[in-house]
Amino acid sequence: MAAKSKLKKGDRVIVVAGKDKGKSGDVLKMFPKENRAVVGGVNVARRHMKQTAAQEGGIVNKELSIHVSNLAHIDPKDGKATRVGYKVLDDGKKVRVAKRSGEVIDG
């Protein structure tokens, strides 16, 4: 069983390990069962694609998935990597917060 990830589609993340260490981007797609995510501009491979009715063929740059353990949220306050916690607001809404600064990640 896959562990619950604190990442969501659209989050700003930074790569903390691997060949793309230091690069950042937005989460384009999540694969929760595999604990993997596709991040824009990270882990890019060149693929030879056959022409179809929808797209033309040739060599295409494609983002591949990366394991979520190699990703960290970007703190909205200072732009550095942070861990994520949860907080219940006064109105009863549960939100994600950056542990580094205490800023709310999703409004």
N, C-alpha and C. Protein backbone atom coordinates (compact mmCIF):
# COMPACT_ATOMS: atom_id res chain seq x y z
N MET A 1 0.83 -1.18 0.00
CA MET A 1 0.00 0.00 0.00
C MET A 1 0.88 1.25 0.00
N ALA A 2 0.52 2.22 -0.81
CA ALA A 2 1.30 3.44 -0.93
C ALA A 2 0.98 4.38 0.23
N ALA A 3 2.01 5.08 0.70
CA ALA A 3 1.82 6.06 1.76
C ALA A 3 1.13 7.30 1.20
N LYS A 4 0.38 8.01 2.06
CA LYS A 4 -0.30 9.21 1.61
C LYS A 4 0.73 10.31 1.35
N SER A 5 0.68 10.87 0.14
CA SER A 5 1.60 11.93 -0.23
C SER A 5 1.01 13.28 0.12
N LYS A 6 1.87 14.22 0.50
CA LYS A 6 1.42 15.57 0.81
C LYS A 6 1.51 16.48 -0.41
N LEU A 7 1.87 15.90 -1.56
CA LEU A 7 1.94 16.66 -2.81
C LEU A 7 0.61 16.58 -3.54
N LYS A 8 0.30 17.64 -4.28
CA LYS A 8 -0.90 17.67 -5.11
C LYS A 8 -0.53 18.26 -6.46
N LYS A 9 -1.38 18.01 -7.44
CA LYS A 9 -1.20 18.58 -8.76
C LYS A 9 -1.22 20.11 -8.64
N GLY A 10 -0.25 20.76 -9.29
CA GLY A 10 -0.19 22.22 -9.26
C GLY A 10 0.76 22.79 -8.21
N ASP A 11 1.29 21.95 -7.31
CA ASP A 11 2.22 22.43 -6.28
C ASP A 11 3.57 22.79 -6.88
N ARG A 12 4.24 23.81 -6.30
CA ARG A 12 5.61 24.16 -6.69
C ARG A 12 6.55 23.31 -5.84
N VAL A 13 7.42 22.53 -6.51
CA VAL A 13 8.33 21.64 -5.80
C VAL A 13 9.75 21.85 -6.31
N ILE A 14 10.72 21.39 -5.50
CA ILE A 14 12.13 21.41 -5.87
C ILE A 14 12.66 19.99 -5.72
N VAL A 15 13.59 19.61 -6.61
CA VAL A 15 14.20 18.28 -6.56
C VAL A 15 15.35 18.32 -5.56
N VAL A 16 15.34 17.43 -4.56
CA VAL A 16 16.36 17.43 -3.52
C VAL A 16 17.39 16.32 -3.70
N ALA A 17 17.16 15.40 -4.65
CA ALA A 17 18.12 14.31 -4.87
C ALA A 17 18.02 13.82 -6.31
N GLY A 18 19.12 13.32 -6.83
CA GLY A 18 19.12 12.75 -8.17
C GLY A 18 19.80 13.66 -9.18
N LYS A 19 19.72 13.28 -10.46
CA LYS A 19 20.44 14.00 -11.51
C LYS A 19 19.91 15.41 -11.75
N ASP A 20 18.67 15.68 -11.37
CA ASP A 20 18.07 17.00 -11.56
C ASP A 20 18.01 17.80 -10.26
N LYS A 21 18.90 17.48 -9.30
CA LYS A 21 18.91 18.14 -8.00
C LYS A 21 19.03 19.66 -8.17
N GLY A 22 18.16 20.39 -7.47
CA GLY A 22 18.18 21.84 -7.54
C GLY A 22 17.17 22.44 -8.51
N LYS A 23 16.67 21.63 -9.46
CA LYS A 23 15.67 22.13 -10.41
C LYS A 23 14.32 22.19 -9.72
N SER A 24 13.47 23.11 -10.19
CA SER A 24 12.13 23.22 -9.62
C SER A 24 11.10 23.30 -10.73
N GLY A 25 9.86 23.06 -10.38
CA GLY A 25 8.77 23.11 -11.34
C GLY A 25 7.45 22.82 -10.66
N ASP A 26 6.40 22.79 -11.46
CA ASP A 26 5.06 22.50 -10.96
C ASP A 26 4.73 21.03 -11.17
N VAL A 27 4.00 20.44 -10.23
CA VAL A 27 3.56 19.06 -10.37
C VAL A 27 2.46 19.03 -11.45
N LEU A 28 2.71 18.27 -12.52
CA LEU A 28 1.75 18.17 -13.61
C LEU A 28 0.78 17.02 -13.42
N LYS A 29 1.28 15.92 -12.83
CA LYS A 29 0.47 14.72 -12.67
C LYS A 29 0.99 13.92 -11.49
N MET A 30 0.08 13.29 -10.76
CA MET A 30 0.46 12.45 -9.62
C MET A 30 0.07 11.00 -9.90
N PHE A 31 0.92 10.08 -9.44
CA PHE A 31 0.64 8.64 -9.49
C PHE A 31 0.72 8.12 -8.06
N PRO A 32 -0.36 8.26 -7.27
CA PRO A 32 -0.29 7.94 -5.85
C PRO A 32 0.01 6.48 -5.55
N LYS A 33 -0.44 5.55 -6.39
CA LYS A 33 -0.18 4.13 -6.12
C LYS A 33 1.30 3.79 -6.27
N GLU A 34 2.00 4.51 -7.16
CA GLU A 34 3.43 4.26 -7.37
C GLU A 34 4.31 5.23 -6.58
N ASN A 35 3.70 6.18 -5.85
CA ASN A 35 4.45 7.23 -5.13
C ASN A 35 5.35 8.03 -6.07
N ARG A 36 4.82 8.39 -7.25
CA ARG A 36 5.60 9.12 -8.24
C ARG A 36 4.82 10.34 -8.71
N ALA A 37 5.55 11.31 -9.27
CA ALA A 37 4.93 12.54 -9.79
C ALA A 37 5.67 12.97 -11.04
N VAL A 38 4.94 13.64 -11.96
CA VAL A 38 5.55 14.23 -13.14
C VAL A 38 5.66 15.73 -12.86
N VAL A 39 6.89 16.26 -12.97
CA VAL A 39 7.16 17.67 -12.68
C VAL A 39 7.64 18.33 -13.97
N GLY A 40 7.08 19.50 -14.29
CA GLY A 40 7.44 20.21 -15.50
C GLY A 40 8.90 20.63 -15.52
N GLY A 41 9.62 20.27 -16.60
CA GLY A 41 11.02 20.65 -16.76
C GLY A 41 12.01 19.80 -16.00
N VAL A 42 11.55 18.75 -15.33
CA VAL A 42 12.42 17.88 -14.53
C VAL A 42 12.35 16.46 -15.06
N ASN A 43 13.49 15.77 -15.07
CA ASN A 43 13.59 14.38 -15.53
C ASN A 43 13.10 14.27 -16.98
N VAL A 44 13.67 15.11 -17.85
CA VAL A 44 13.26 15.16 -19.25
C VAL A 44 14.07 14.15 -20.06
N ALA A 45 13.37 13.38 -20.90
CA ALA A 45 14.02 12.40 -21.78
C ALA A 45 13.59 12.70 -23.21
N ARG A 46 14.43 12.31 -24.17
CA ARG A 46 14.09 12.48 -25.58
C ARG A 46 13.53 11.17 -26.09
N ARG A 47 12.34 11.23 -26.68
CA ARG A 47 11.64 10.04 -27.16
C ARG A 47 11.41 10.16 -28.66
N HIS A 48 11.60 9.06 -29.37
CA HIS A 48 11.29 8.99 -30.79
C HIS A 48 9.82 8.61 -30.92
N MET A 49 9.00 9.53 -31.44
CA MET A 49 7.56 9.31 -31.52
C MET A 49 7.14 9.08 -32.96
N LYS A 50 6.26 8.12 -33.15
CA LYS A 50 5.71 7.85 -34.48
C LYS A 50 4.59 8.85 -34.75
N GLN A 51 4.44 9.25 -35.99
CA GLN A 51 3.41 10.23 -36.34
C GLN A 51 2.02 9.63 -36.18
N THR A 52 1.11 10.43 -35.61
CA THR A 52 -0.28 10.03 -35.48
C THR A 52 -1.16 11.14 -36.05
N ALA A 53 -2.46 10.93 -36.03
CA ALA A 53 -3.37 11.95 -36.52
C ALA A 53 -3.34 13.19 -35.63
N ALA A 54 -3.05 13.00 -34.35
CA ALA A 54 -3.06 14.10 -33.39
C ALA A 54 -1.75 14.89 -33.39
N GLN A 55 -0.61 14.22 -33.57
CA GLN A 55 0.67 14.91 -33.49
C GLN A 55 1.62 14.38 -34.55
N GLU A 56 2.59 15.23 -34.90
CA GLU A 56 3.56 14.79 -35.89
C GLU A 56 4.69 14.03 -35.22
N GLY A 57 5.38 13.22 -35.99
CA GLY A 57 6.45 12.38 -35.46
C GLY A 57 7.75 13.13 -35.29
N GLY A 58 8.76 12.43 -34.82
CA GLY A 58 10.08 13.02 -34.63
C GLY A 58 10.56 12.78 -33.21
N ILE A 59 11.63 13.50 -32.85
CA ILE A 59 12.19 13.37 -31.51
C ILE A 59 11.54 14.42 -30.61
N VAL A 60 10.93 13.95 -29.52
CA VAL A 60 10.14 14.82 -28.64
C VAL A 60 10.74 14.78 -27.24
N ASN A 61 10.82 15.94 -26.58
CA ASN A 61 11.22 15.99 -25.17
C ASN A 61 9.99 15.69 -24.32
N LYS A 62 10.15 14.75 -23.38
CA LYS A 62 9.02 14.30 -22.57
C LYS A 62 9.46 14.23 -21.11
N GLU A 63 8.61 14.74 -20.20
CA GLU A 63 8.90 14.64 -18.77
C GLU A 63 8.49 13.26 -18.26
N LEU A 64 9.40 12.61 -17.58
CA LEU A 64 9.12 11.30 -16.99
C LEU A 64 8.85 11.48 -15.49
N SER A 65 8.28 10.46 -14.88
CA SER A 65 7.92 10.57 -13.47
C SER A 65 9.17 10.48 -12.59
N ILE A 66 9.06 11.05 -11.40
CA ILE A 66 10.13 11.05 -10.42
C ILE A 66 9.52 10.66 -9.08
N HIS A 67 10.27 9.95 -8.25
CA HIS A 67 9.75 9.48 -6.97
C HIS A 67 9.53 10.67 -6.04
N VAL A 68 8.42 10.63 -5.28
CA VAL A 68 8.07 11.77 -4.42
C VAL A 68 9.07 11.98 -3.29
N SER A 69 9.86 10.96 -2.94
CA SER A 69 10.87 11.13 -1.89
C SER A 69 11.99 12.06 -2.34
N ASN A 70 12.13 12.27 -3.64
CA ASN A 70 13.17 13.15 -4.17
C ASN A 70 12.65 14.58 -4.37
N LEU A 71 11.42 14.85 -3.94
CA LEU A 71 10.81 16.16 -4.11
C LEU A 71 10.52 16.80 -2.76
N ALA A 72 10.56 18.14 -2.73
CA ALA A 72 10.18 18.88 -1.52
C ALA A 72 9.38 20.11 -1.95
N HIS A 73 8.43 20.49 -1.13
CA HIS A 73 7.65 21.70 -1.39
C HIS A 73 8.56 22.92 -1.35
N ILE A 74 8.20 23.94 -2.11
CA ILE A 74 8.90 25.22 -2.03
C ILE A 74 8.11 26.13 -1.09
N ASP A 75 8.82 26.67 -0.10
CA ASP A 75 8.18 27.56 0.87
C ASP A 75 7.69 28.82 0.16
N PRO A 76 6.40 29.18 0.33
CA PRO A 76 5.87 30.38 -0.36
C PRO A 76 6.54 31.67 0.09
N LYS A 77 7.13 31.68 1.28
CA LYS A 77 7.73 32.90 1.82
C LYS A 77 9.13 33.16 1.26
N ASP A 78 10.04 32.16 1.32
CA ASP A 78 11.42 32.42 0.91
C ASP A 78 11.92 31.56 -0.26
N GLY A 79 11.09 30.65 -0.79
CA GLY A 79 11.48 29.90 -1.99
C GLY A 79 12.42 28.74 -1.75
N LYS A 80 12.61 28.34 -0.49
CA LYS A 80 13.49 27.21 -0.19
C LYS A 80 12.66 25.97 0.12
N ALA A 81 13.32 24.81 0.14
CA ALA A 81 12.64 23.55 0.39
C ALA A 81 12.11 23.52 1.83
N THR A 82 10.92 22.94 1.97
CA THR A 82 10.30 22.83 3.29
C THR A 82 9.52 21.54 3.40
N ARG A 83 9.31 21.11 4.64
CA ARG A 83 8.41 20.00 4.89
C ARG A 83 7.00 20.54 5.03
N VAL A 84 6.03 19.65 5.03
CA VAL A 84 4.62 20.07 5.05
C VAL A 84 3.93 19.49 6.27
N GLY A 85 3.14 20.34 6.93
CA GLY A 85 2.33 19.91 8.04
C GLY A 85 0.88 20.30 7.79
N TYR A 86 0.03 19.94 8.71
CA TYR A 86 -1.39 20.27 8.59
C TYR A 86 -1.82 21.12 9.77
N LYS A 87 -2.80 21.96 9.53
CA LYS A 87 -3.31 22.85 10.57
C LYS A 87 -4.81 23.02 10.34
N VAL A 88 -5.57 23.03 11.42
CA VAL A 88 -7.02 23.26 11.32
C VAL A 88 -7.27 24.73 11.64
N LEU A 89 -7.88 25.44 10.70
CA LEU A 89 -8.18 26.85 10.88
C LEU A 89 -9.37 27.04 11.82
N ASP A 90 -9.63 28.29 12.20
CA ASP A 90 -10.74 28.60 13.12
C ASP A 90 -12.10 28.19 12.57
N ASP A 91 -12.24 28.26 11.23
CA ASP A 91 -13.53 27.88 10.63
C ASP A 91 -13.67 26.37 10.43
N GLY A 92 -12.68 25.58 10.91
CA GLY A 92 -12.76 24.13 10.82
C GLY A 92 -12.15 23.54 9.57
N LYS A 93 -11.57 24.36 8.71
CA LYS A 93 -10.98 23.88 7.46
C LYS A 93 -9.55 23.41 7.72
N LYS A 94 -9.21 22.23 7.20
CA LYS A 94 -7.87 21.67 7.36
C LYS A 94 -7.02 22.10 6.16
N VAL A 95 -5.87 22.73 6.41
CA VAL A 95 -5.01 23.22 5.33
C VAL A 95 -3.58 22.72 5.52
N ARG A 96 -2.82 22.71 4.43
CA ARG A 96 -1.40 22.35 4.50
C ARG A 96 -0.59 23.61 4.80
N VAL A 97 0.40 23.48 5.68
CA VAL A 97 1.25 24.62 6.02
C VAL A 97 2.71 24.22 5.86
N ALA A 98 3.55 25.22 5.52
CA ALA A 98 4.99 25.00 5.41
C ALA A 98 5.58 25.00 6.81
N LYS A 99 6.35 23.96 7.15
CA LYS A 99 6.93 23.85 8.48
C LYS A 99 8.00 24.92 8.68
N ARG A 100 8.64 25.34 7.61
CA ARG A 100 9.76 26.30 7.70
C ARG A 100 9.28 27.68 8.16
N SER A 101 8.16 28.16 7.57
CA SER A 101 7.72 29.53 7.87
C SER A 101 6.33 29.58 8.50
N GLY A 102 5.57 28.51 8.43
CA GLY A 102 4.21 28.51 8.95
C GLY A 102 3.18 29.06 7.97
N GLU A 103 3.62 29.40 6.75
CA GLU A 103 2.71 29.93 5.72
C GLU A 103 1.76 28.84 5.24
N VAL A 104 0.53 29.21 4.92
CA VAL A 104 -0.45 28.27 4.37
C VAL A 104 -0.10 28.02 2.91
N ILE A 105 -0.02 26.73 2.51
CA ILE A 105 0.34 26.38 1.14
C ILE A 105 -0.88 26.46 0.23
N ASP A 106 -2.00 25.90 0.67
CA ASP A 106 -3.22 25.98 -0.15
C ASP A 106 -4.27 26.78 0.61
N GLY A 107 -4.86 27.74 -0.08
CA GLY A 107 -5.81 28.63 0.57
C GLY A 107 -7.16 28.09 0.56
